N, C-alpha and C. Protein backbone atom coordinates (compact mmCIF):
# COMPACT_ATOMS: atom_id res chain seq x y z
N MET A 1 119.59 112.66 112.38
CA MET A 1 120.00 111.56 111.52
C MET A 1 119.38 111.74 110.12
N ALA A 2 120.22 111.76 109.11
CA ALA A 2 119.76 111.95 107.73
C ALA A 2 119.19 110.65 107.19
N VAL A 3 118.16 110.79 106.37
CA VAL A 3 117.53 109.62 105.75
C VAL A 3 118.11 109.47 104.34
N SER A 4 118.52 108.27 104.02
CA SER A 4 119.11 107.98 102.72
C SER A 4 118.07 108.11 101.61
N PRO A 5 118.45 108.73 100.48
CA PRO A 5 117.53 108.77 99.33
C PRO A 5 117.14 107.37 98.85
N ALA A 6 118.07 106.43 98.90
CA ALA A 6 117.75 105.06 98.48
C ALA A 6 116.66 104.47 99.38
N PHE A 7 116.75 104.72 100.68
CA PHE A 7 115.73 104.25 101.62
C PHE A 7 114.37 104.84 101.27
N LEU A 8 114.34 106.13 100.98
CA LEU A 8 113.08 106.79 100.62
C LEU A 8 112.49 106.21 99.33
N VAL A 9 113.34 105.87 98.38
CA VAL A 9 112.86 105.28 97.13
C VAL A 9 112.22 103.92 97.41
N TYR A 10 112.89 103.08 98.19
CA TYR A 10 112.33 101.76 98.53
C TYR A 10 111.01 101.89 99.29
N VAL A 11 111.00 102.73 100.30
CA VAL A 11 109.80 102.91 101.11
C VAL A 11 108.66 103.44 100.25
N SER A 12 108.96 104.40 99.39
CA SER A 12 107.93 104.95 98.50
C SER A 12 107.40 103.90 97.53
N ALA A 13 108.30 103.12 96.96
CA ALA A 13 107.88 102.10 95.98
C ALA A 13 106.94 101.07 96.63
N TYR A 14 107.33 100.54 97.79
CA TYR A 14 106.47 99.55 98.45
C TYR A 14 105.18 100.18 98.96
N GLY A 15 105.27 101.40 99.46
CA GLY A 15 104.06 102.09 99.92
C GLY A 15 103.09 102.34 98.79
N LEU A 16 103.61 102.81 97.65
CA LEU A 16 102.74 103.06 96.49
C LEU A 16 102.16 101.76 95.93
N ALA A 17 102.95 100.69 95.94
CA ALA A 17 102.45 99.40 95.47
C ALA A 17 101.30 98.91 96.35
N ALA A 18 101.47 99.03 97.66
CA ALA A 18 100.41 98.61 98.58
C ALA A 18 99.17 99.48 98.38
N LEU A 19 99.36 100.77 98.25
CA LEU A 19 98.24 101.68 98.04
C LEU A 19 97.55 101.39 96.71
N GLY A 20 98.33 101.19 95.66
CA GLY A 20 97.75 100.89 94.34
C GLY A 20 96.92 99.61 94.36
N CYS A 21 97.43 98.59 95.05
CA CYS A 21 96.66 97.34 95.16
C CYS A 21 95.37 97.56 95.94
N GLY A 22 95.44 98.39 96.97
CA GLY A 22 94.24 98.70 97.75
C GLY A 22 93.18 99.40 96.92
N ILE A 23 93.59 100.36 96.11
CA ILE A 23 92.66 101.08 95.25
C ILE A 23 92.08 100.13 94.20
N ALA A 24 92.94 99.33 93.58
CA ALA A 24 92.47 98.37 92.57
C ALA A 24 91.56 97.32 93.20
N PHE A 25 91.83 96.95 94.44
CA PHE A 25 91.00 95.98 95.17
C PHE A 25 89.55 96.46 95.22
N VAL A 26 89.37 97.73 95.54
CA VAL A 26 88.01 98.29 95.62
C VAL A 26 87.31 98.19 94.27
N ARG A 27 88.01 98.52 93.20
CA ARG A 27 87.41 98.44 91.86
C ARG A 27 87.18 97.00 91.43
N ALA A 28 88.09 96.10 91.80
CA ALA A 28 87.98 94.69 91.39
C ALA A 28 86.74 94.03 91.99
N ARG A 29 86.27 94.54 93.09
CA ARG A 29 85.07 93.95 93.72
C ARG A 29 83.83 94.15 92.85
N ARG A 30 83.93 94.95 91.79
CA ARG A 30 82.80 95.19 90.89
C ARG A 30 82.81 94.30 89.65
N VAL A 31 83.83 93.43 89.52
CA VAL A 31 83.88 92.52 88.38
C VAL A 31 82.65 91.61 88.46
N THR A 32 81.96 91.43 87.35
CA THR A 32 80.67 90.74 87.40
C THR A 32 80.77 89.22 87.56
N ASP A 33 81.75 88.60 86.92
CA ASP A 33 81.89 87.14 87.05
C ASP A 33 82.44 86.82 88.45
N PRO A 34 81.70 86.03 89.25
CA PRO A 34 82.13 85.79 90.63
C PRO A 34 83.48 85.09 90.76
N ASP A 35 83.79 84.12 89.91
CA ASP A 35 85.08 83.43 90.00
C ASP A 35 86.23 84.35 89.61
N THR A 36 86.06 85.10 88.53
CA THR A 36 87.09 86.05 88.12
C THR A 36 87.28 87.11 89.20
N ARG A 37 86.18 87.60 89.76
CA ARG A 37 86.26 88.59 90.83
C ARG A 37 87.04 88.04 92.02
N ARG A 38 86.71 86.82 92.44
CA ARG A 38 87.41 86.21 93.58
C ARG A 38 88.91 86.10 93.31
N GLY A 39 89.26 85.66 92.13
CA GLY A 39 90.67 85.52 91.78
C GLY A 39 91.39 86.86 91.75
N LEU A 40 90.77 87.86 91.13
CA LEU A 40 91.40 89.17 91.02
C LEU A 40 91.50 89.85 92.39
N VAL A 41 90.45 89.77 93.17
CA VAL A 41 90.47 90.34 94.52
C VAL A 41 91.54 89.64 95.37
N GLY A 42 91.61 88.32 95.26
CA GLY A 42 92.63 87.58 95.99
C GLY A 42 94.04 87.97 95.56
N LEU A 43 94.24 88.13 94.27
CA LEU A 43 95.54 88.52 93.74
C LEU A 43 95.94 89.91 94.24
N LEU A 44 95.00 90.84 94.20
CA LEU A 44 95.31 92.20 94.66
C LEU A 44 95.54 92.24 96.17
N ALA A 45 94.75 91.48 96.93
CA ALA A 45 94.95 91.43 98.38
C ALA A 45 96.32 90.83 98.71
N ALA A 46 96.67 89.75 98.03
CA ALA A 46 97.96 89.10 98.28
C ALA A 46 99.12 90.01 97.87
N SER A 47 99.01 90.62 96.71
CA SER A 47 100.08 91.50 96.24
C SER A 47 100.23 92.73 97.14
N GLY A 48 99.11 93.31 97.51
CA GLY A 48 99.15 94.46 98.42
C GLY A 48 99.67 94.08 99.79
N GLY A 49 99.27 92.90 100.27
CA GLY A 49 99.77 92.41 101.55
C GLY A 49 101.27 92.17 101.51
N TRP A 50 101.75 91.62 100.40
CA TRP A 50 103.18 91.41 100.25
C TRP A 50 103.92 92.75 100.26
N ALA A 51 103.42 93.72 99.50
CA ALA A 51 104.09 95.03 99.46
C ALA A 51 104.09 95.68 100.85
N ALA A 52 102.98 95.57 101.56
CA ALA A 52 102.89 96.16 102.90
C ALA A 52 103.85 95.49 103.88
N THR A 53 103.98 94.17 103.80
CA THR A 53 104.89 93.49 104.72
C THR A 53 106.35 93.73 104.33
N GLN A 54 106.63 93.91 103.04
CA GLN A 54 107.98 94.31 102.63
C GLN A 54 108.30 95.71 103.17
N LEU A 55 107.30 96.59 103.14
CA LEU A 55 107.47 97.92 103.72
C LEU A 55 107.76 97.80 105.21
N GLY A 56 107.01 96.92 105.89
CA GLY A 56 107.26 96.68 107.31
C GLY A 56 108.67 96.17 107.57
N PHE A 57 109.15 95.32 106.70
CA PHE A 57 110.52 94.81 106.79
C PHE A 57 111.52 95.97 106.74
N LEU A 58 111.29 96.91 105.83
CA LEU A 58 112.22 98.03 105.67
C LEU A 58 112.21 98.99 106.85
N VAL A 59 111.03 99.24 107.40
CA VAL A 59 110.93 100.28 108.44
C VAL A 59 110.92 99.69 109.86
N ALA A 60 111.09 98.39 109.99
CA ALA A 60 111.08 97.76 111.31
C ALA A 60 112.14 98.40 112.22
N PRO A 61 111.76 98.69 113.46
CA PRO A 61 112.70 99.37 114.36
C PRO A 61 113.83 98.49 114.89
N THR A 62 113.67 97.16 114.81
CA THR A 62 114.72 96.26 115.29
C THR A 62 114.97 95.17 114.25
N PRO A 63 116.17 94.61 114.23
CA PRO A 63 116.43 93.50 113.30
C PRO A 63 115.50 92.31 113.53
N GLU A 64 115.12 92.03 114.76
CA GLU A 64 114.21 90.91 115.05
C GLU A 64 112.84 91.13 114.41
N LEU A 65 112.31 92.34 114.56
CA LEU A 65 111.02 92.64 113.92
C LEU A 65 111.14 92.62 112.40
N GLY A 66 112.27 93.10 111.89
CA GLY A 66 112.50 93.06 110.45
C GLY A 66 112.55 91.63 109.94
N TYR A 67 113.20 90.76 110.70
CA TYR A 67 113.30 89.35 110.32
C TYR A 67 111.91 88.75 110.19
N TRP A 68 111.07 88.95 111.19
CA TRP A 68 109.74 88.34 111.16
C TRP A 68 108.81 89.01 110.15
N ALA A 69 109.01 90.30 109.91
CA ALA A 69 108.25 90.95 108.84
C ALA A 69 108.62 90.33 107.49
N TYR A 70 109.89 90.01 107.32
CA TYR A 70 110.31 89.38 106.08
C TYR A 70 109.71 87.98 105.94
N VAL A 71 109.70 87.22 107.02
CA VAL A 71 109.10 85.88 106.98
C VAL A 71 107.62 85.99 106.61
N VAL A 72 106.91 86.93 107.22
CA VAL A 72 105.49 87.12 106.88
C VAL A 72 105.35 87.51 105.42
N SER A 73 106.26 88.36 104.91
CA SER A 73 106.17 88.75 103.50
C SER A 73 106.37 87.54 102.59
N LEU A 74 107.23 86.60 102.99
CA LEU A 74 107.42 85.39 102.19
C LEU A 74 106.15 84.53 102.17
N VAL A 75 105.50 84.42 103.32
CA VAL A 75 104.28 83.61 103.42
C VAL A 75 103.15 84.26 102.62
N VAL A 76 102.99 85.57 102.78
CA VAL A 76 101.93 86.29 102.05
C VAL A 76 102.25 86.31 100.56
N GLY A 77 103.49 86.57 100.22
CA GLY A 77 103.88 86.65 98.81
C GLY A 77 103.63 85.36 98.05
N LEU A 78 103.82 84.23 98.72
CA LEU A 78 103.58 82.95 98.05
C LEU A 78 102.12 82.76 97.68
N THR A 79 101.21 83.39 98.41
CA THR A 79 99.78 83.26 98.08
C THR A 79 99.44 83.90 96.74
N THR A 80 100.29 84.82 96.29
CA THR A 80 100.00 85.47 95.00
C THR A 80 100.01 84.47 93.85
N VAL A 81 100.81 83.43 93.96
CA VAL A 81 100.89 82.43 92.88
C VAL A 81 99.54 81.72 92.74
N GLY A 82 99.00 81.26 93.85
CA GLY A 82 97.70 80.59 93.82
C GLY A 82 96.59 81.51 93.35
N ALA A 83 96.61 82.75 93.84
CA ALA A 83 95.58 83.71 93.44
C ALA A 83 95.68 84.02 91.94
N TRP A 84 96.90 84.14 91.43
CA TRP A 84 97.11 84.39 90.00
C TRP A 84 96.56 83.25 89.15
N LEU A 85 96.88 82.02 89.55
CA LEU A 85 96.41 80.87 88.79
C LEU A 85 94.89 80.74 88.86
N TYR A 86 94.31 81.01 90.03
CA TYR A 86 92.85 80.99 90.19
C TYR A 86 92.23 82.02 89.24
N PHE A 87 92.78 83.25 89.28
CA PHE A 87 92.27 84.31 88.40
C PHE A 87 92.38 83.91 86.94
N CYS A 88 93.55 83.42 86.53
CA CYS A 88 93.76 83.06 85.12
C CYS A 88 92.80 81.96 84.68
N SER A 89 92.61 80.96 85.53
CA SER A 89 91.69 79.88 85.20
C SER A 89 90.27 80.41 85.03
N ALA A 90 89.84 81.24 85.96
CA ALA A 90 88.48 81.78 85.89
C ALA A 90 88.32 82.73 84.70
N TYR A 91 89.27 83.63 84.52
CA TYR A 91 89.19 84.64 83.47
C TYR A 91 89.15 84.01 82.08
N THR A 92 89.87 82.92 81.92
CA THR A 92 89.95 82.29 80.60
C THR A 92 88.87 81.23 80.40
N GLY A 93 87.97 81.08 81.35
CA GLY A 93 86.86 80.14 81.20
C GLY A 93 87.23 78.70 81.48
N ARG A 94 88.36 78.47 82.08
CA ARG A 94 88.75 77.10 82.44
C ARG A 94 88.14 76.75 83.80
N SER A 95 88.30 75.51 84.19
CA SER A 95 87.72 75.09 85.47
C SER A 95 88.76 74.55 86.44
N PHE A 96 90.04 74.81 86.19
CA PHE A 96 91.08 74.31 87.08
C PHE A 96 90.87 74.77 88.53
N HIS A 97 90.38 76.00 88.69
CA HIS A 97 90.19 76.56 90.02
C HIS A 97 89.08 75.87 90.80
N HIS A 98 88.25 75.07 90.13
CA HIS A 98 87.19 74.31 90.80
C HIS A 98 87.60 72.88 91.11
N ASN A 99 88.71 72.43 90.56
CA ASN A 99 89.15 71.05 90.72
C ASN A 99 89.68 70.84 92.14
N ARG A 100 88.99 70.00 92.92
CA ARG A 100 89.37 69.78 94.33
C ARG A 100 90.75 69.17 94.47
N GLY A 101 91.11 68.30 93.56
CA GLY A 101 92.44 67.68 93.61
C GLY A 101 93.54 68.71 93.47
N TYR A 102 93.40 69.61 92.49
CA TYR A 102 94.39 70.68 92.30
C TYR A 102 94.45 71.59 93.52
N ARG A 103 93.27 71.92 94.03
CA ARG A 103 93.22 72.83 95.18
C ARG A 103 93.85 72.19 96.41
N ARG A 104 93.57 70.93 96.65
CA ARG A 104 94.17 70.24 97.80
C ARG A 104 95.68 70.13 97.64
N ALA A 105 96.12 69.79 96.46
CA ALA A 105 97.56 69.69 96.21
C ALA A 105 98.23 71.05 96.41
N ALA A 106 97.60 72.10 95.92
CA ALA A 106 98.16 73.45 96.07
C ALA A 106 98.25 73.84 97.55
N VAL A 107 97.21 73.55 98.31
CA VAL A 107 97.23 73.88 99.74
C VAL A 107 98.30 73.06 100.46
N ALA A 108 98.43 71.79 100.12
CA ALA A 108 99.44 70.94 100.76
C ALA A 108 100.85 71.44 100.46
N VAL A 109 101.12 71.78 99.20
CA VAL A 109 102.44 72.30 98.84
C VAL A 109 102.68 73.64 99.53
N TYR A 110 101.68 74.50 99.52
CA TYR A 110 101.79 75.81 100.18
C TYR A 110 102.12 75.65 101.66
N LEU A 111 101.38 74.79 102.36
CA LEU A 111 101.62 74.59 103.79
C LEU A 111 103.01 74.00 104.06
N GLY A 112 103.46 73.11 103.19
CA GLY A 112 104.81 72.56 103.33
C GLY A 112 105.88 73.64 103.19
N ILE A 113 105.71 74.49 102.20
CA ILE A 113 106.67 75.58 101.99
C ILE A 113 106.61 76.56 103.15
N VAL A 114 105.41 76.89 103.60
CA VAL A 114 105.26 77.81 104.73
C VAL A 114 105.93 77.23 105.98
N ALA A 115 105.81 75.92 106.19
CA ALA A 115 106.45 75.29 107.35
C ALA A 115 107.97 75.48 107.29
N VAL A 116 108.56 75.34 106.10
CA VAL A 116 110.00 75.56 105.96
C VAL A 116 110.35 77.02 106.22
N LYS A 117 109.52 77.93 105.72
CA LYS A 117 109.78 79.36 105.93
C LYS A 117 109.70 79.72 107.41
N LEU A 118 108.68 79.22 108.09
CA LEU A 118 108.49 79.56 109.51
C LEU A 118 109.56 78.94 110.41
N THR A 119 110.11 77.82 110.00
CA THR A 119 111.14 77.17 110.81
C THR A 119 112.55 77.54 110.35
N ASN A 120 112.67 78.50 109.46
CA ASN A 120 113.97 78.93 108.96
C ASN A 120 114.97 79.27 110.07
N PRO A 121 114.54 79.88 111.19
CA PRO A 121 115.53 80.17 112.24
C PRO A 121 116.23 78.91 112.77
N LEU A 122 115.60 77.75 112.62
CA LEU A 122 116.19 76.51 113.11
C LEU A 122 117.19 75.90 112.13
N HIS A 123 116.95 76.06 110.82
CA HIS A 123 117.78 75.36 109.84
C HIS A 123 118.48 76.28 108.83
N GLY A 124 117.95 77.47 108.59
CA GLY A 124 118.56 78.39 107.64
C GLY A 124 118.53 77.97 106.19
N TRP A 125 117.65 77.02 105.84
CA TRP A 125 117.57 76.54 104.46
C TRP A 125 117.03 77.59 103.50
N TYR A 126 116.17 78.47 104.01
CA TYR A 126 115.49 79.42 103.13
C TYR A 126 116.28 80.70 102.93
N PHE A 127 116.79 81.26 104.02
CA PHE A 127 117.60 82.47 103.92
C PHE A 127 118.40 82.70 105.20
N ARG A 128 119.39 83.56 105.07
CA ARG A 128 120.19 84.01 106.21
C ARG A 128 120.19 85.53 106.17
N THR A 129 120.42 86.13 107.33
CA THR A 129 120.41 87.59 107.40
C THR A 129 121.71 88.11 107.99
N SER A 130 121.98 89.36 107.68
CA SER A 130 123.05 90.10 108.34
C SER A 130 122.66 91.58 108.30
N PHE A 131 123.18 92.32 109.23
CA PHE A 131 122.86 93.75 109.28
C PHE A 131 123.95 94.53 108.56
N VAL A 132 123.55 95.41 107.66
CA VAL A 132 124.49 96.25 106.92
C VAL A 132 124.10 97.71 107.07
N THR A 133 125.02 98.59 106.79
CA THR A 133 124.74 100.03 106.95
C THR A 133 124.71 100.80 105.63
N THR A 134 125.06 100.15 104.51
CA THR A 134 125.02 100.85 103.24
C THR A 134 124.05 100.18 102.28
N PRO A 135 123.31 100.85 101.47
CA PRO A 135 123.26 102.30 101.33
C PRO A 135 122.50 102.98 102.47
N PHE A 136 121.85 102.17 103.32
CA PHE A 136 121.19 102.66 104.52
C PHE A 136 121.18 101.49 105.50
N PRO A 137 121.06 101.74 106.79
CA PRO A 137 121.05 100.63 107.76
C PRO A 137 119.83 99.73 107.56
N HIS A 138 120.09 98.44 107.34
CA HIS A 138 119.00 97.50 107.14
C HIS A 138 119.48 96.06 107.30
N LEU A 139 118.52 95.19 107.42
CA LEU A 139 118.79 93.76 107.47
C LEU A 139 118.87 93.27 106.03
N THR A 140 119.95 92.65 105.65
CA THR A 140 120.08 92.15 104.28
C THR A 140 119.84 90.64 104.28
N ILE A 141 119.31 90.16 103.19
CA ILE A 141 118.91 88.77 103.06
C ILE A 141 119.82 88.06 102.06
N THR A 142 120.28 86.88 102.43
CA THR A 142 121.00 86.00 101.50
C THR A 142 120.15 84.74 101.36
N HIS A 143 119.61 84.54 100.17
CA HIS A 143 118.70 83.41 99.95
C HIS A 143 119.46 82.10 99.82
N GLY A 144 118.82 81.05 100.36
CA GLY A 144 119.38 79.71 100.27
C GLY A 144 118.79 78.92 99.12
N THR A 145 119.24 77.71 98.98
CA THR A 145 118.82 76.84 97.88
C THR A 145 117.31 76.62 97.87
N PHE A 146 116.72 76.39 99.02
CA PHE A 146 115.28 76.13 99.08
C PHE A 146 114.50 77.32 98.52
N HIS A 147 114.95 78.54 98.82
CA HIS A 147 114.29 79.74 98.28
C HIS A 147 114.30 79.70 96.74
N TRP A 148 115.44 79.35 96.16
CA TRP A 148 115.55 79.38 94.70
C TRP A 148 114.72 78.28 94.04
N VAL A 149 114.60 77.14 94.71
CA VAL A 149 113.74 76.07 94.17
C VAL A 149 112.29 76.52 94.19
N VAL A 150 111.86 77.09 95.31
CA VAL A 150 110.48 77.58 95.43
C VAL A 150 110.24 78.72 94.44
N SER A 151 111.20 79.62 94.29
CA SER A 151 111.05 80.71 93.32
C SER A 151 110.92 80.18 91.90
N GLY A 152 111.74 79.20 91.55
CA GLY A 152 111.65 78.61 90.22
C GLY A 152 110.30 77.97 89.96
N LEU A 153 109.80 77.21 90.93
CA LEU A 153 108.48 76.61 90.82
C LEU A 153 107.40 77.69 90.70
N SER A 154 107.51 78.72 91.51
CA SER A 154 106.52 79.80 91.48
C SER A 154 106.48 80.49 90.12
N TYR A 155 107.65 80.82 89.59
CA TYR A 155 107.69 81.50 88.29
C TYR A 155 107.22 80.59 87.17
N ALA A 156 107.50 79.30 87.28
CA ALA A 156 106.99 78.37 86.27
C ALA A 156 105.46 78.34 86.30
N LEU A 157 104.88 78.33 87.49
CA LEU A 157 103.42 78.34 87.61
C LEU A 157 102.83 79.66 87.13
N VAL A 158 103.49 80.75 87.42
CA VAL A 158 103.03 82.05 86.92
C VAL A 158 103.06 82.06 85.40
N ALA A 159 104.07 81.45 84.80
CA ALA A 159 104.15 81.36 83.34
C ALA A 159 102.97 80.57 82.77
N VAL A 160 102.52 79.54 83.49
CA VAL A 160 101.34 78.78 83.05
C VAL A 160 100.13 79.72 83.00
N GLY A 161 99.99 80.58 84.01
CA GLY A 161 98.89 81.55 84.01
C GLY A 161 98.98 82.49 82.83
N PHE A 162 100.18 83.00 82.54
CA PHE A 162 100.35 83.87 81.38
C PHE A 162 100.01 83.14 80.09
N PHE A 163 100.37 81.87 80.00
CA PHE A 163 100.03 81.09 78.82
C PHE A 163 98.51 81.01 78.65
N MET A 164 97.79 80.77 79.76
CA MET A 164 96.32 80.69 79.66
C MET A 164 95.74 81.99 79.11
N VAL A 165 96.22 83.11 79.64
CA VAL A 165 95.70 84.42 79.20
C VAL A 165 96.11 84.69 77.76
N TYR A 166 97.36 84.41 77.42
CA TYR A 166 97.84 84.62 76.05
C TYR A 166 97.04 83.78 75.06
N GLU A 167 96.80 82.53 75.42
CA GLU A 167 96.05 81.64 74.54
C GLU A 167 94.63 82.19 74.30
N LEU A 168 94.00 82.69 75.36
CA LEU A 168 92.66 83.27 75.22
C LEU A 168 92.71 84.48 74.28
N PHE A 169 93.66 85.37 74.49
CA PHE A 169 93.77 86.55 73.64
C PHE A 169 94.04 86.16 72.19
N LEU A 170 94.89 85.16 71.98
CA LEU A 170 95.21 84.70 70.63
C LEU A 170 93.96 84.13 69.96
N GLU A 171 93.19 83.31 70.69
CA GLU A 171 91.95 82.75 70.13
C GLU A 171 90.97 83.85 69.74
N ARG A 172 90.85 84.86 70.58
CA ARG A 172 89.92 85.96 70.27
C ARG A 172 90.41 86.78 69.09
N ALA A 173 91.71 86.99 69.00
CA ALA A 173 92.27 87.75 67.88
C ALA A 173 92.04 87.00 66.56
N VAL A 174 92.24 85.70 66.57
CA VAL A 174 92.02 84.89 65.37
C VAL A 174 90.54 84.93 65.00
N ARG A 175 89.66 84.83 65.99
CA ARG A 175 88.23 84.87 65.73
C ARG A 175 87.83 86.20 65.14
N LEU A 176 88.44 87.30 65.57
CA LEU A 176 88.13 88.62 65.01
C LEU A 176 88.59 88.74 63.56
N GLU A 177 89.71 88.11 63.23
CA GLU A 177 90.20 88.14 61.86
C GLU A 177 89.32 87.34 60.92
N VAL A 178 88.73 86.26 61.41
CA VAL A 178 87.93 85.37 60.58
C VAL A 178 86.53 85.94 60.38
N GLU A 179 85.97 86.56 61.40
CA GLU A 179 84.60 87.08 61.30
C GLU A 179 84.57 88.29 60.38
N PRO A 180 83.48 88.43 59.61
CA PRO A 180 83.38 89.59 58.69
C PRO A 180 83.17 90.89 59.42
């Protein structure tokens, strides 16, 4: 049985992403600020875990195992948003990551979303699957409305993290221009 070049590209990309996160994880453990280190290590662990479970989804020997590997990748992947925001808050000297109210709200929202993802076989709100053979045999995913709402919220929160980092860089750049 011949292996599709497209399949090899996907497998290589996810494998390299997981490996790269693992290597960066080791280096990130040396960051001196404990909060920034925790955030960065969490982000790399979550991102690497997501890439590894996506790889598992691709190479799963049965559609059932592929389905559950995909569900696990959704659960793990969602943790990257929280880890990113924690990292951005710590790196930029903010204290959002220490605020118990924010943390409790984030955990509650996360658990609610995870509950919908885990119960997807019962309602199909998050995604549906079908088996296809092109460009290689695999389980294909059709995302539902709930997926797109969660994705929109996730990307909006990620943008908040980018704003925090951008604002810090802008403040430092202005300070460098003003200082002799």
